[in-house]
C-alpha atoms as a PDB file:
ATOM      1  CA  MET A   1      11.426 -12.437  13.181  1.00  0.00           C
ATOM      2  CA  SER A   2       9.691  -8.906  14.698  1.00  0.00           C
ATOM      3  CA  THR A   3       8.735  -8.664  18.114  1.00  0.00           C
ATOM      4  CA  ILE A   4       5.598  -6.493  19.029  1.00  0.00           C
ATOM      5  CA  ALA A   5       5.856  -3.703  21.484  1.00  0.00           C
ATOM      6  CA  MET A   6       3.646  -4.607  24.611  1.00  0.00           C
ATOM      7  CA  GLN A   7       2.457  -2.450  27.208  1.00  0.00           C
ATOM      8  CA  LYS A   8       1.669  -2.965  30.660  1.00  0.00           C
ATOM      9  CA  VAL A   9      -1.730  -2.451  32.328  1.00  0.00           C
ATOM     10  CA  MET A  10      -3.306  -2.661  35.512  1.00  0.00           C
ATOM     11  CA  ILE A  11      -6.523  -4.467  36.228  1.00  0.00           C
ATOM     12  CA  THR A  12      -8.775  -4.974  39.303  1.00  0.00           C
ATOM     13  CA  VAL A  13     -10.843  -8.075  39.755  1.00  0.00           C
ATOM     14  CA  PRO A  14     -12.553  -9.821  42.399  1.00  0.00           C
ATOM     15  CA  PRO A  15     -10.791 -12.520  44.258  1.00  0.00           C
ATOM     16  CA  ALA A  16     -13.187 -15.211  42.918  1.00  0.00           C
ATOM     17  CA  LEU A  17     -12.301 -14.199  39.407  1.00  0.00           C
ATOM     18  CA  LEU A  18      -8.698 -14.329  40.009  1.00  0.00           C
ATOM     19  CA  GLY A  19      -8.903 -17.865  41.088  1.00  0.00           C
ATOM     20  CA  GLN A  20     -10.631 -18.868  38.130  1.00  0.00           C
ATOM     21  CA  ILE A  21      -7.901 -16.843  36.085  1.00  0.00           C
ATOM     22  CA  ASP A  22      -5.223 -18.848  37.867  1.00  0.00           C
ATOM     23  CA  GLU A  23      -6.892 -22.078  37.579  1.00  0.00           C
ATOM     24  CA  ALA A  24      -7.327 -21.757  33.695  1.00  0.00           C
ATOM     25  CA  VAL A  25      -3.440 -20.447  33.472  1.00  0.00           C
ATOM     26  CA  THR A  26      -2.198 -23.450  35.165  1.00  0.00           C
ATOM     27  CA  ARG A  27      -4.530 -25.948  33.151  1.00  0.00           C
ATOM     28  CA  LEU A  28      -3.741 -24.125  30.010  1.00  0.00           C
ATOM     29  CA  ASN A  29       0.153 -23.785  30.723  1.00  0.00           C
ATOM     30  CA  THR A  30       0.118 -20.189  29.916  1.00  0.00           C
ATOM     31  CA  SER A  31       0.369 -16.908  31.726  1.00  0.00           C
ATOM     32  CA  ARG A  32      -2.268 -14.408  32.774  1.00  0.00           C
ATOM     33  CA  SER A  33      -1.073 -11.739  30.043  1.00  0.00           C
ATOM     34  CA  ALA A  34      -1.447 -14.438  27.301  1.00  0.00           C
ATOM     35  CA  LEU A  35      -5.080 -15.591  28.786  1.00  0.00           C
ATOM     36  CA  PHE A  36      -6.057 -11.821  29.100  1.00  0.00           C
ATOM     37  CA  ARG A  37      -4.413 -11.290  25.334  1.00  0.00           C
ATOM     38  CA  GLN A  38      -6.769 -14.172  24.300  1.00  0.00           C
ATOM     39  CA  ALA A  39      -9.832 -13.016  26.041  1.00  0.00           C
ATOM     40  CA  MET A  40      -9.628  -9.808  24.654  1.00  0.00           C
ATOM     41  CA  GLU A  41      -8.845 -10.955  20.945  1.00  0.00           C
ATOM     42  CA  PHE A  42     -12.190 -13.296  21.669  1.00  0.00           C
ATOM     43  CA  PHE A  43     -14.222 -10.620  23.103  1.00  0.00           C
ATOM     44  CA  PHE A  44     -13.392  -8.217  20.029  1.00  0.00           C
ATOM     45  CA  ALA A  45     -13.722 -10.850  17.626  1.00  0.00           C
ATOM     46  CA  GLU A  46     -17.135 -11.769  18.816  1.00  0.00           C
ATOM     47  CA  GLN A  47     -18.247  -8.172  18.951  1.00  0.00           C
ATOM     48  CA  SER A  48     -17.243  -7.869  15.204  1.00  0.00           C
ATOM     49  CA  ARG A  49     -19.766 -10.765  14.514  1.00  0.00           C
ATOM     50  CA  GLN A  50     -22.335  -9.327  16.809  1.00  0.00           C
ATOM     51  CA  GLU A  51     -22.149  -6.313  14.524  1.00  0.00           C
ATOM     52  CA  LEU A  52     -22.075  -8.104  11.353  1.00  0.00           C
ATOM     53  CA  ARG A  53     -25.045  -9.986  12.618  1.00  0.00           C
ATOM     54  CA  GLU A  54     -27.146  -6.850  13.238  1.00  0.00           C
ATOM     55  CA  LEU A  55     -26.141  -5.575   9.919  1.00  0.00           C
ATOM     56  CA  LEU A  56     -27.455  -8.413   8.248  1.00  0.00           C
ATOM     57  CA  LYS A  57     -30.439  -8.517  10.099  1.00  0.00           C
ATOM     58  CA  GLU A  58     -31.010  -4.858   9.427  1.00  0.00           C
ATOM     59  CA  GLY A  59     -30.675  -5.601   5.671  1.00  0.00           C
ATOM     60  CA  TYR A  60     -33.003  -8.584   5.714  1.00  0.00           C
ATOM     61  CA  LEU A  61     -35.731  -6.792   7.450  1.00  0.00           C
ATOM     62  CA  TYR A  62     -35.289  -3.679   5.369  1.00  0.00           C
ATOM     63  CA  ARG A  63     -35.469  -5.941   1.967  1.00  0.00           C
ATOM     64  CA  ALA A  64     -38.192  -8.367   3.571  1.00  0.00           C
ATOM     65  CA  GLU A  65     -41.257  -6.920   1.634  1.00  0.00           C
ATOM     66  CA  GLU A  66     -39.189  -6.922  -1.360  1.00  0.00           C
ATOM     67  CA  SER A  67     -38.147 -10.519  -1.087  1.00  0.00           C
ATOM     68  CA  ARG A  68     -41.412 -11.999  -0.227  1.00  0.00           C
ATOM     69  CA  GLN A  69     -42.912 -10.255  -3.617  1.00  0.00           C
ATOM     70  CA  MET A  70     -39.978 -11.807  -5.688  1.00  0.00           C
ATOM     71  CA  ALA A  71     -40.630 -15.119  -3.858  1.00  0.00           C
ATOM     72  CA  GLN A  72     -44.169 -15.019  -4.430  1.00  0.00           C
ATOM     73  CA  GLU A  73     -43.728 -14.099  -8.149  1.00  0.00           C
ATOM     74  CA  PHE A  74     -41.094 -16.738  -8.757  1.00  0.00           C
ATOM     75  CA  PHE A  75     -43.688 -19.077  -6.984  1.00  0.00           C
ATOM     76  CA  ILE A  76     -46.395 -18.513  -9.823  1.00  0.00           C
ATOM     77  CA  ALA A  77     -43.888 -18.866 -12.384  1.00  0.00           C
ATOM     78  CA  GLU A  78     -42.366 -22.161 -11.009  1.00  0.00           C
ATOM     79  CA  LYS A  79     -46.239 -23.093 -10.447  1.00  0.00           C
ATOM     80  CA  GLU A  80     -46.933 -22.700 -14.320  1.00  0.00           C
ATOM     81  CA  ALA A  81     -43.573 -24.601 -15.333  1.00  0.00           C
ATOM     82  CA  TRP A  82     -44.453 -27.451 -13.066  1.00  0.00           C
ATOM     83  CA  ASP A  83     -48.029 -27.515 -14.346  1.00  0.00           C
ATOM     84  CA  ARG A  84     -46.983 -27.614 -17.783  1.00  0.00           C
ATOM     85  CA  TYR A  85     -43.915 -29.521 -17.804  1.00  0.00           C
ATOM     86  CA  ALA A  86     -44.548 -32.359 -14.941  1.00  0.00           C
ATOM     87  CA  PRO A  87     -43.942 -35.647 -15.995  1.00  0.00           C
ATOM     88  CA  TRP A  88     -46.919 -37.030 -14.331  1.00  0.00           C
ATOM     89  CA  GLU A  89     -50.591 -36.446 -14.823  1.00  0.00           C
ATOM     90  CA  GLU A  90     -52.787 -35.779 -11.940  1.00  0.00           C
END
């Protein structure tokens, strides 16, 4: 089993936040260090998800007109197929 080298950092937090941290540490039966690691991992994962969402949004907006035209063309083809092959009569 390999161990990961850890480095110490010092942070400053307001007393109210420290109280919340200590309550969470007690409730979760963990340490401050473990809680901060989890919080930072969550933060960076959320940042990555947000960046991906923004890239997807940009891509969708960039292709919006092309997608609209394609949908319109397929709608016409689908309507022709329904008109020709529908099992019911109007």
